[in-house]
Amino acid sequence: INDLRRLMPYFAAAARPYLGQDTGMARTVKLNPSDPAVMAIRP
């Protein structure tokens, strides 16, 4: 994928639980277009 506008809702959905927090380690978040976390953010 070479489109930041397409990816930004996924970035925001992945960041939601951890933004400003301490994850303790790098974590991998898997999302798909129908994920409620993405649907709630996508314009």
ModelCIF file with pLDDT and N, C-alpha, C, O atoms, coordinates in Angstrom:
data_MODEL
#
_entry.id   MODEL 
#
_entity.id                         1 
_entity.type                       polymer 
_entity.pdbx_number_of_molecules   1 
#
_entity_poly.entity_id                      1 
_entity_poly.type                           'polypeptide(L)' 
_entity_poly.nstd_linkage                   no 
_entity_poly.nstd_monomer                   no 
_entity_poly.pdbx_seq_one_letter_code       INDLRRLMPYFAAAARPYLGQDTGMARTVKLNPSDPAVMAIRP 
_entity_poly.pdbx_seq_one_letter_code_can   INDLRRLMPYFAAAARPYLGQDTGMARTVKLNPSDPAVMAIRP 
_entity_poly.pdbx_strand_id                 A 
#
loop_
_entity_poly_seq.entity_id 
_entity_poly_seq.num 
_entity_poly_seq.mon_id 
_entity_poly_seq.hetero 
1 1  ILE n 
1 2  ASN n 
1 3  ASP n 
1 4  LEU n 
1 5  ARG n 
1 6  ARG n 
1 7  LEU n 
1 8  MET n 
1 9  PRO n 
1 10 TYR n 
1 11 PHE n 
1 12 ALA n 
1 13 ALA n 
1 14 ALA n 
1 15 ALA n 
1 16 ARG n 
1 17 PRO n 
1 18 TYR n 
1 19 LEU n 
1 20 GLY n 
1 21 GLN n 
1 22 ASP n 
1 23 THR n 
1 24 GLY n 
1 25 MET n 
1 26 ALA n 
1 27 ARG n 
1 28 THR n 
1 29 VAL n 
1 30 LYS n 
1 31 LEU n 
1 32 ASN n 
1 33 PRO n 
1 34 SER n 
1 35 ASP n 
1 36 PRO n 
1 37 ALA n 
1 38 VAL n 
1 39 MET n 
1 40 ALA n 
1 41 ILE n 
1 42 ARG n 
1 43 PRO n 
#
_struct_asym.id          A 
_struct_asym.entity_id   1 
#
loop_
_ma_qa_metric.id 
_ma_qa_metric.mode 
_ma_qa_metric.name 
_ma_qa_metric.software_group_id 
_ma_qa_metric.type 
1 global pLDDT . pLDDT 
2 local  pLDDT . pLDDT 
#
_ma_qa_metric_global.metric_id      1 
_ma_qa_metric_global.metric_value   92.53 
_ma_qa_metric_global.model_id       1 
_ma_qa_metric_global.ordinal_id     1 
#
loop_
_ma_qa_metric_local.label_asym_id 
_ma_qa_metric_local.label_comp_id 
_ma_qa_metric_local.label_seq_id 
_ma_qa_metric_local.metric_id 
_ma_qa_metric_local.metric_value 
_ma_qa_metric_local.model_id 
_ma_qa_metric_local.ordinal_id 
A ILE 1  2 93.00 1 1  
A ASN 2  2 94.00 1 2  
A ASP 3  2 95.00 1 3  
A LEU 4  2 95.00 1 4  
A ARG 5  2 95.00 1 5  
A ARG 6  2 95.00 1 6  
A LEU 7  2 96.00 1 7  
A MET 8  2 96.00 1 8  
A PRO 9  2 96.00 1 9  
A TYR 10 2 97.00 1 10 
A PHE 11 2 97.00 1 11 
A ALA 12 2 97.00 1 12 
A ALA 13 2 96.00 1 13 
A ALA 14 2 97.00 1 14 
A ALA 15 2 97.00 1 15 
A ARG 16 2 96.00 1 16 
A PRO 17 2 95.00 1 17 
A TYR 18 2 96.00 1 18 
A LEU 19 2 96.00 1 19 
A GLY 20 2 94.00 1 20 
A GLN 21 2 94.00 1 21 
A ASP 22 2 95.00 1 22 
A THR 23 2 95.00 1 23 
A GLY 24 2 94.00 1 24 
A MET 25 2 96.00 1 25 
A ALA 26 2 96.00 1 26 
A ARG 27 2 96.00 1 27 
A THR 28 2 97.00 1 28 
A VAL 29 2 96.00 1 29 
A LYS 30 2 96.00 1 30 
A LEU 31 2 95.00 1 31 
A ASN 32 2 92.00 1 32 
A PRO 33 2 90.00 1 33 
A SER 34 2 90.00 1 34 
A ASP 35 2 89.00 1 35 
A PRO 36 2 90.00 1 36 
A ALA 37 2 88.00 1 37 
A VAL 38 2 89.00 1 38 
A MET 39 2 88.00 1 39 
A ALA 40 2 85.00 1 40 
A ILE 41 2 81.00 1 41 
A ARG 42 2 69.00 1 42 
A PRO 43 2 65.00 1 43 
#
loop_
_atom_site.group_PDB 
_atom_site.id 
_atom_site.type_symbol 
_atom_site.label_atom_id 
_atom_site.label_alt_id 
_atom_site.label_comp_id 
_atom_site.label_asym_id 
_atom_site.label_entity_id 
_atom_site.label_seq_id 
_atom_site.pdbx_PDB_ins_code 
_atom_site.Cartn_x 
_atom_site.Cartn_y 
_atom_site.Cartn_z 
_atom_site.occupancy 
_atom_site.B_iso_or_equiv 
_atom_site.pdbx_formal_charge 
_atom_site.auth_seq_id 
_atom_site.auth_comp_id 
_atom_site.auth_asym_id 
_atom_site.auth_atom_id 
_atom_site.pdbx_PDB_model_num 
ATOM 1   N N  . ILE A 1 1  ? 0.844   -1.197 0.000  1.00 93.00 ? 1  ILE A N  1 
ATOM 2   C CA . ILE A 1 1  ? 0.000   0.000  0.000  1.00 93.00 ? 1  ILE A CA 1 
ATOM 3   C C  . ILE A 1 1  ? 0.881   1.249  0.000  1.00 93.00 ? 1  ILE A C  1 
ATOM 4   O O  . ILE A 1 1  ? 1.775   1.398  0.832  1.00 93.00 ? 1  ILE A O  1 
ATOM 5   N N  . ASN A 1 2  ? 0.608   2.136  -0.947 1.00 94.00 ? 2  ASN A N  1 
ATOM 6   C CA . ASN A 1 2  ? 1.386   3.370  -1.068 1.00 94.00 ? 2  ASN A CA 1 
ATOM 7   C C  . ASN A 1 2  ? 0.436   4.565  -0.986 1.00 94.00 ? 2  ASN A C  1 
ATOM 8   O O  . ASN A 1 2  ? 0.440   5.438  -1.855 1.00 94.00 ? 2  ASN A O  1 
ATOM 9   N N  . ASP A 1 3  ? -0.381  4.589  0.078  1.00 95.00 ? 3  ASP A N  1 
ATOM 10  C CA . ASP A 1 3  ? -1.401  5.625  0.201  1.00 95.00 ? 3  ASP A CA 1 
ATOM 11  C C  . ASP A 1 3  ? -1.630  5.913  1.682  1.00 95.00 ? 3  ASP A C  1 
ATOM 12  O O  . ASP A 1 3  ? -2.306  5.148  2.369  1.00 95.00 ? 3  ASP A O  1 
ATOM 13  N N  . LEU A 1 4  ? -1.067  7.016  2.171  1.00 95.00 ? 4  LEU A N  1 
ATOM 14  C CA . LEU A 1 4  ? -1.215  7.350  3.584  1.00 95.00 ? 4  LEU A CA 1 
ATOM 15  C C  . LEU A 1 4  ? -2.661  7.655  3.959  1.00 95.00 ? 4  LEU A C  1 
ATOM 16  O O  . LEU A 1 4  ? -3.079  7.365  5.079  1.00 95.00 ? 4  LEU A O  1 
ATOM 17  N N  . ARG A 1 5  ? -3.415  8.223  3.061  1.00 95.00 ? 5  ARG A N  1 
ATOM 18  C CA . ARG A 1 5  ? -4.817  8.529  3.364  1.00 95.00 ? 5  ARG A CA 1 
ATOM 19  C C  . ARG A 1 5  ? -5.610  7.241  3.590  1.00 95.00 ? 5  ARG A C  1 
ATOM 20  O O  . ARG A 1 5  ? -6.510  7.197  4.429  1.00 95.00 ? 5  ARG A O  1 
ATOM 21  N N  . ARG A 1 6  ? -5.277  6.220  2.850  1.00 95.00 ? 6  ARG A N  1 
ATOM 22  C CA . ARG A 1 6  ? -5.935  4.921  3.028  1.00 95.00 ? 6  ARG A CA 1 
ATOM 23  C C  . ARG A 1 6  ? -5.516  4.266  4.341  1.00 95.00 ? 6  ARG A C  1 
ATOM 24  O O  . ARG A 1 6  ? -6.319  3.607  5.001  1.00 95.00 ? 6  ARG A O  1 
ATOM 25  N N  . LEU A 1 7  ? -4.261  4.454  4.707  1.00 96.00 ? 7  LEU A N  1 
ATOM 26  C CA . LEU A 1 7  ? -3.737  3.785  5.907  1.00 96.00 ? 7  LEU A CA 1 
ATOM 27  C C  . LEU A 1 7  ? -4.034  4.517  7.209  1.00 96.00 ? 7  LEU A C  1 
ATOM 28  O O  . LEU A 1 7  ? -4.069  3.889  8.267  1.00 96.00 ? 7  LEU A O  1 
ATOM 29  N N  . MET A 1 8  ? -4.247  5.827  7.158  1.00 96.00 ? 8  MET A N  1 
ATOM 30  C CA . MET A 1 8  ? -4.337  6.593  8.394  1.00 96.00 ? 8  MET A CA 1 
ATOM 31  C C  . MET A 1 8  ? -5.441  6.116  9.343  1.00 96.00 ? 8  MET A C  1 
ATOM 32  O O  . MET A 1 8  ? -5.215  6.115  10.553 1.00 96.00 ? 8  MET A O  1 
ATOM 33  N N  . PRO A 1 9  ? -6.629  5.707  8.859  1.00 96.00 ? 9  PRO A N  1 
ATOM 34  C CA . PRO A 1 9  ? -7.614  5.167  9.798  1.00 96.00 ? 9  PRO A CA 1 
ATOM 35  C C  . PRO A 1 9  ? -7.120  3.916  10.535 1.00 96.00 ? 9  PRO A C  1 
ATOM 36  O O  . PRO A 1 9  ? -7.463  3.695  11.697 1.00 96.00 ? 9  PRO A O  1 
ATOM 37  N N  . TYR A 1 10 ? -6.313  3.106  9.849  1.00 97.00 ? 10 TYR A N  1 
ATOM 38  C CA . TYR A 1 10 ? -5.751  1.919  10.490 1.00 97.00 ? 10 TYR A CA 1 
ATOM 39  C C  . TYR A 1 10 ? -4.725  2.321  11.555 1.00 97.00 ? 10 TYR A C  1 
ATOM 40  O O  . TYR A 1 10 ? -4.683  1.736  12.637 1.00 97.00 ? 10 TYR A O  1 
ATOM 41  N N  . PHE A 1 11 ? -3.905  3.318  11.241 1.00 97.00 ? 11 PHE A N  1 
ATOM 42  C CA . PHE A 1 11 ? -2.947  3.809  12.228 1.00 97.00 ? 11 PHE A CA 1 
ATOM 43  C C  . PHE A 1 11 ? -3.673  4.316  13.471 1.00 97.00 ? 11 PHE A C  1 
ATOM 44  O O  . PHE A 1 11 ? -3.286  4.006  14.597 1.00 97.00 ? 11 PHE A O  1 
ATOM 45  N N  . ALA A 1 12 ? -4.726  5.096  13.256 1.00 97.00 ? 12 ALA A N  1 
ATOM 46  C CA . ALA A 1 12 ? -5.461  5.656  14.391 1.00 97.00 ? 12 ALA A CA 1 
ATOM 47  C C  . ALA A 1 12 ? -6.138  4.551  15.205 1.00 97.00 ? 12 ALA A C  1 
ATOM 48  O O  . ALA A 1 12 ? -6.118  4.582  16.436 1.00 97.00 ? 12 ALA A O  1 
ATOM 49  N N  . ALA A 1 13 ? -6.739  3.571  14.513 1.00 96.00 ? 13 ALA A N  1 
ATOM 50  C CA . ALA A 1 13 ? -7.409  2.469  15.219 1.00 96.00 ? 13 ALA A CA 1 
ATOM 51  C C  . ALA A 1 13 ? -6.411  1.658  16.039 1.00 96.00 ? 13 ALA A C  1 
ATOM 52  O O  . ALA A 1 13 ? -6.708  1.245  17.161 1.00 96.00 ? 13 ALA A O  1 
ATOM 53  N N  . ALA A 1 14 ? -5.225  1.432  15.474 1.00 97.00 ? 14 ALA A N  1 
ATOM 54  C CA . ALA A 1 14 ? -4.200  0.680  16.202 1.00 97.00 ? 14 ALA A CA 1 
ATOM 55  C C  . ALA A 1 14 ? -3.663  1.473  17.381 1.00 97.00 ? 14 ALA A C  1 
ATOM 56  O O  . ALA A 1 14 ? -3.304  0.903  18.412 1.00 97.00 ? 14 ALA A O  1 
ATOM 57  N N  . ALA A 1 15 ? -3.609  2.798  17.224 1.00 97.00 ? 15 ALA A N  1 
ATOM 58  C CA . ALA A 1 15 ? -3.047  3.644  18.286 1.00 97.00 ? 15 ALA A CA 1 
ATOM 59  C C  . ALA A 1 15 ? -4.017  3.848  19.446 1.00 97.00 ? 15 ALA A C  1 
ATOM 60  O O  . ALA A 1 15 ? -3.594  4.108  20.573 1.00 97.00 ? 15 ALA A O  1 
ATOM 61  N N  . ARG A 1 16 ? -5.315  3.731  19.176 1.00 96.00 ? 16 ARG A N  1 
ATOM 62  C CA . ARG A 1 16 ? -6.329  4.100  20.173 1.00 96.00 ? 16 ARG A CA 1 
ATOM 63  C C  . ARG A 1 16 ? -6.077  3.509  21.568 1.00 96.00 ? 16 ARG A C  1 
ATOM 64  O O  . ARG A 1 16 ? -6.127  4.267  22.537 1.00 96.00 ? 16 ARG A O  1 
ATOM 65  N N  . PRO A 1 17 ? -5.814  2.223  21.730 1.00 95.00 ? 17 PRO A N  1 
ATOM 66  C CA . PRO A 1 17 ? -5.608  1.696  23.091 1.00 95.00 ? 17 PRO A CA 1 
ATOM 67  C C  . PRO A 1 17 ? -4.284  2.110  23.724 1.00 95.00 ? 17 PRO A C  1 
ATOM 68  O O  . PRO A 1 17 ? -4.137  2.045  24.944 1.00 95.00 ? 17 PRO A O  1 
ATOM 69  N N  . TYR A 1 18 ? -3.316  2.538  22.907 1.00 96.00 ? 18 TYR A N  1 
ATOM 70  C CA . TYR A 1 18 ? -1.958  2.713  23.407 1.00 96.00 ? 18 TYR A CA 1 
ATOM 71  C C  . TYR A 1 18 ? -1.439  4.151  23.359 1.00 96.00 ? 18 TYR A C  1 
ATOM 72  O O  . TYR A 1 18 ? -0.377  4.429  23.916 1.00 96.00 ? 18 TYR A O  1 
ATOM 73  N N  . LEU A 1 19 ? -2.144  5.057  22.721 1.00 96.00 ? 19 LEU A N  1 
ATOM 74  C CA . LEU A 1 19 ? -1.644  6.419  22.548 1.00 96.00 ? 19 LEU A CA 1 
ATOM 75  C C  . LEU A 1 19 ? -1.374  7.078  23.901 1.00 96.00 ? 19 LEU A C  1 
ATOM 76  O O  . LEU A 1 19 ? -2.254  7.164  24.757 1.00 96.00 ? 19 LEU A O  1 
ATOM 77  N N  . GLY A 1 20 ? -0.130  7.540  24.069 1.00 94.00 ? 20 GLY A N  1 
ATOM 78  C CA . GLY A 1 20 ? 0.245   8.173  25.324 1.00 94.00 ? 20 GLY A CA 1 
ATOM 79  C C  . GLY A 1 20 ? 0.505   7.210  26.458 1.00 94.00 ? 20 GLY A C  1 
ATOM 80  O O  . GLY A 1 20 ? 0.806   7.636  27.573 1.00 94.00 ? 20 GLY A O  1 
ATOM 81  N N  . GLN A 1 21 ? 0.394   5.905  26.194 1.00 94.00 ? 21 GLN A N  1 
ATOM 82  C CA . GLN A 1 21 ? 0.612   4.882  27.213 1.00 94.00 ? 21 GLN A CA 1 
ATOM 83  C C  . GLN A 1 21 ? 2.007   4.258  27.037 1.00 94.00 ? 21 GLN A C  1 
ATOM 84  O O  . GLN A 1 21 ? 2.794   4.674  26.187 1.00 94.00 ? 21 GLN A O  1 
ATOM 85  N N  . ASP A 1 22 ? 2.277   3.254  27.866 1.00 95.00 ? 22 ASP A N  1 
ATOM 86  C CA . ASP A 1 22 ? 3.542   2.526  27.756 1.00 95.00 ? 22 ASP A CA 1 
ATOM 87  C C  . ASP A 1 22 ? 3.221   1.083  27.419 1.00 95.00 ? 22 ASP A C  1 
ATOM 88  O O  . ASP A 1 22 ? 2.671   0.358  28.249 1.00 95.00 ? 22 ASP A O  1 
ATOM 89  N N  . THR A 1 23 ? 3.561   0.654  26.198 1.00 95.00 ? 23 THR A N  1 
ATOM 90  C CA . THR A 1 23 ? 3.262   -0.718 25.774 1.00 95.00 ? 23 THR A CA 1 
ATOM 91  C C  . THR A 1 23 ? 4.239   -1.731 26.361 1.00 95.00 ? 23 THR A C  1 
ATOM 92  O O  . THR A 1 23 ? 3.970   -2.932 26.351 1.00 95.00 ? 23 THR A O  1 
ATOM 93  N N  . GLY A 1 24 ? 5.372   -1.253 26.874 1.00 94.00 ? 24 GLY A N  1 
ATOM 94  C CA . GLY A 1 24 ? 6.360   -2.184 27.435 1.00 94.00 ? 24 GLY A CA 1 
ATOM 95  C C  . GLY A 1 24 ? 7.196   -2.876 26.380 1.00 94.00 ? 24 GLY A C  1 
ATOM 96  O O  . GLY A 1 24 ? 8.330   -3.274 26.648 1.00 94.00 ? 24 GLY A O  1 
ATOM 97  N N  . MET A 1 25 ? 6.653   -3.024 25.190 1.00 96.00 ? 25 MET A N  1 
ATOM 98  C CA . MET A 1 25 ? 7.346   -3.643 24.057 1.00 96.00 ? 25 MET A CA 1 
ATOM 99  C C  . MET A 1 25 ? 6.575   -3.281 22.793 1.00 96.00 ? 25 MET A C  1 
ATOM 100 O O  . MET A 1 25 ? 5.448   -2.789 22.857 1.00 96.00 ? 25 MET A O  1 
ATOM 101 N N  . ALA A 1 26 ? 7.194   -3.531 21.657 1.00 96.00 ? 26 ALA A N  1 
ATOM 102 C CA . ALA A 1 26 ? 6.478   -3.302 20.401 1.00 96.00 ? 26 ALA A CA 1 
ATOM 103 C C  . ALA A 1 26 ? 5.384   -4.351 20.251 1.00 96.00 ? 26 ALA A C  1 
ATOM 104 O O  . ALA A 1 26 ? 5.601   -5.530 20.528 1.00 96.00 ? 26 ALA A O  1 
ATOM 105 N N  . ARG A 1 27 ? 4.215   -3.917 19.814 1.00 96.00 ? 27 ARG A N  1 
ATOM 106 C CA . ARG A 1 27 ? 3.080   -4.811 19.640 1.00 96.00 ? 27 ARG A CA 1 
ATOM 107 C C  . ARG A 1 27 ? 2.588   -4.740 18.206 1.00 96.00 ? 27 ARG A C  1 
ATOM 108 O O  . ARG A 1 27 ? 2.714   -3.708 17.546 1.00 96.00 ? 27 ARG A O  1 
ATOM 109 N N  . THR A 1 28 ? 2.024   -5.846 17.727 1.00 97.00 ? 28 THR A N  1 
ATOM 110 C CA . THR A 1 28 ? 1.461   -5.886 16.387 1.00 97.00 ? 28 THR A CA 1 
ATOM 111 C C  . THR A 1 28 ? -0.058  -5.952 16.478 1.00 97.00 ? 28 THR A C  1 
ATOM 112 O O  . THR A 1 28 ? -0.621  -6.839 17.120 1.00 97.00 ? 28 THR A O  1 
ATOM 113 N N  . VAL A 1 29 ? -0.705  -5.001 15.825 1.00 96.00 ? 29 VAL A N  1 
ATOM 114 C CA . VAL A 1 29 ? -2.162  -4.943 15.802 1.00 96.00 ? 29 VAL A CA 1 
ATOM 115 C C  . VAL A 1 29 ? -2.622  -5.296 14.398 1.00 96.00 ? 29 VAL A C  1 
ATOM 116 O O  . VAL A 1 29 ? -2.190  -4.675 13.427 1.00 96.00 ? 29 VAL A O  1 
ATOM 117 N N  . LYS A 1 30 ? -3.503  -6.297 14.283 1.00 96.00 ? 30 LYS A N  1 
ATOM 118 C CA . LYS A 1 30 ? -4.015  -6.725 12.979 1.00 96.00 ? 30 LYS A CA 1 
ATOM 119 C C  . LYS A 1 30 ? -5.437  -6.200 12.806 1.00 96.00 ? 30 LYS A C  1 
ATOM 120 O O  . LYS A 1 30 ? -6.294  -6.403 13.666 1.00 96.00 ? 30 LYS A O  1 
ATOM 121 N N  . LEU A 1 31 ? -5.676  -5.524 11.686 1.00 95.00 ? 31 LEU A N  1 
ATOM 122 C CA . LEU A 1 31 ? -6.977  -4.921 11.426 1.00 95.00 ? 31 LEU A CA 1 
ATOM 123 C C  . LEU A 1 31 ? -7.397  -5.209 9.989  1.00 95.00 ? 31 LEU A C  1 
ATOM 124 O O  . LEU A 1 31 ? -6.553  -5.409 9.115  1.00 95.00 ? 31 LEU A O  1 
ATOM 125 N N  . ASN A 1 32 ? -8.696  -5.229 9.753  1.00 92.00 ? 32 ASN A N  1 
ATOM 126 C CA . ASN A 1 32 ? -9.207  -5.349 8.394  1.00 92.00 ? 32 ASN A CA 1 
ATOM 127 C C  . ASN A 1 32 ? -10.271 -4.282 8.176  1.00 92.00 ? 32 ASN A C  1 
ATOM 128 O O  . ASN A 1 32 ? -10.725 -3.670 9.143  1.00 92.00 ? 32 ASN A O  1 
ATOM 129 N N  . PRO A 1 33 ? -10.683 -4.040 6.924  1.00 90.00 ? 33 PRO A N  1 
ATOM 130 C CA . PRO A 1 33 ? -11.593 -2.924 6.641  1.00 90.00 ? 33 PRO A CA 1 
ATOM 131 C C  . PRO A 1 33 ? -12.906 -2.965 7.403  1.00 90.00 ? 33 PRO A C  1 
ATOM 132 O O  . PRO A 1 33 ? -13.494 -1.918 7.673  1.00 90.00 ? 33 PRO A O  1 
ATOM 133 N N  . SER A 1 34 ? -13.381 -4.171 7.758  1.00 90.00 ? 34 SER A N  1 
ATOM 134 C CA . SER A 1 34 ? -14.660 -4.288 8.458  1.00 90.00 ? 34 SER A CA 1 
ATOM 135 C C  . SER A 1 34 ? -14.513 -4.278 9.966  1.00 90.00 ? 34 SER A C  1 
ATOM 136 O O  . SER A 1 34 ? -15.502 -4.418 10.685 1.00 90.00 ? 34 SER A O  1 
ATOM 137 N N  . ASP A 1 35 ? -13.283 -4.114 10.460 1.00 89.00 ? 35 ASP A N  1 
ATOM 138 C CA . ASP A 1 35 ? -13.079 -4.091 11.907 1.00 89.00 ? 35 ASP A CA 1 
ATOM 139 C C  . ASP A 1 35 ? -13.812 -2.894 12.504 1.00 89.00 ? 35 ASP A C  1 
ATOM 140 O O  . ASP A 1 35 ? -13.687 -1.784 11.985 1.00 89.00 ? 35 ASP A O  1 
ATOM 141 N N  . PRO A 1 36 ? -14.579 -3.090 13.589 1.00 90.00 ? 36 PRO A N  1 
ATOM 142 C CA . PRO A 1 36 ? -15.311 -1.972 14.194 1.00 90.00 ? 36 PRO A CA 1 
ATOM 143 C C  . PRO A 1 36 ? -14.417 -0.807 14.576 1.00 90.00 ? 36 PRO A C  1 
ATOM 144 O O  . PRO A 1 36 ? -14.834 0.348  14.496 1.00 90.00 ? 36 PRO A O  1 
ATOM 145 N N  . ALA A 1 37 ? -13.182 -1.101 14.995 1.00 88.00 ? 37 ALA A N  1 
ATOM 146 C CA . ALA A 1 37 ? -12.259 -0.028 15.385 1.00 88.00 ? 37 ALA A CA 1 
ATOM 147 C C  . ALA A 1 37 ? -11.913 0.857  14.191 1.00 88.00 ? 37 ALA A C  1 
ATOM 148 O O  . ALA A 1 37 ? -11.729 2.066  14.340 1.00 88.00 ? 37 ALA A O  1 
ATOM 149 N N  . VAL A 1 38 ? -11.824 0.254  13.011 1.00 89.00 ? 38 VAL A N  1 
ATOM 150 C CA . VAL A 1 38 ? -11.540 1.017  11.795 1.00 89.00 ? 38 VAL A CA 1 
ATOM 151 C C  . VAL A 1 38 ? -12.800 1.735  11.308 1.00 89.00 ? 38 VAL A C  1 
ATOM 152 O O  . VAL A 1 38 ? -12.749 2.898  10.910 1.00 89.00 ? 38 VAL A O  1 
ATOM 153 N N  . MET A 1 39 ? -13.911 1.037  11.344 1.00 88.00 ? 39 MET A N  1 
ATOM 154 C CA . MET A 1 39 ? -15.174 1.617  10.887 1.00 88.00 ? 39 MET A CA 1 
ATOM 155 C C  . MET A 1 39 ? -15.546 2.859  11.702 1.00 88.00 ? 39 MET A C  1 
ATOM 156 O O  . MET A 1 39 ? -16.136 3.807  11.184 1.00 88.00 ? 39 MET A O  1 
ATOM 157 N N  . ALA A 1 40 ? -15.184 2.829  12.992 1.00 85.00 ? 40 ALA A N  1 
ATOM 158 C CA . ALA A 1 40 ? -15.534 3.956  13.862 1.00 85.00 ? 40 ALA A CA 1 
ATOM 159 C C  . ALA A 1 40 ? -14.717 5.208  13.545 1.00 85.00 ? 40 ALA A C  1 
ATOM 160 O O  . ALA A 1 40 ? -15.123 6.323  13.870 1.00 85.00 ? 40 ALA A O  1 
ATOM 161 N N  . ILE A 1 41 ? -13.574 5.012  12.916 1.00 81.00 ? 41 ILE A N  1 
ATOM 162 C CA . ILE A 1 41 ? -12.673 6.137  12.640 1.00 81.00 ? 41 ILE A CA 1 
ATOM 163 C C  . ILE A 1 41 ? -12.776 6.605  11.204 1.00 81.00 ? 41 ILE A C  1 
ATOM 164 O O  . ILE A 1 41 ? -12.689 7.801  10.925 1.00 81.00 ? 41 ILE A O  1 
ATOM 165 N N  . ARG A 1 42 ? -12.962 5.655  10.283 1.00 69.00 ? 42 ARG A N  1 
ATOM 166 C CA . ARG A 1 42 ? -12.957 6.010  8.855  1.00 69.00 ? 42 ARG A CA 1 
ATOM 167 C C  . ARG A 1 42 ? -14.042 7.030  8.551  1.00 69.00 ? 42 ARG A C  1 
ATOM 168 O O  . ARG A 1 42 ? -15.180 6.858  8.986  1.00 69.00 ? 42 ARG A O  1 
ATOM 169 N N  . PRO A 1 43 ? -13.717 8.093  7.810  1.00 65.00 ? 43 PRO A N  1 
ATOM 170 C CA . PRO A 1 43 ? -14.715 9.125  7.503  1.00 65.00 ? 43 PRO A CA 1 
ATOM 171 C C  . PRO A 1 43 ? -15.786 8.605  6.546  1.00 65.00 ? 43 PRO A C  1 
ATOM 172 O O  . PRO A 1 43 ? -16.702 9.343  6.184  1.00 65.00 ? 43 PRO A O  1 
#
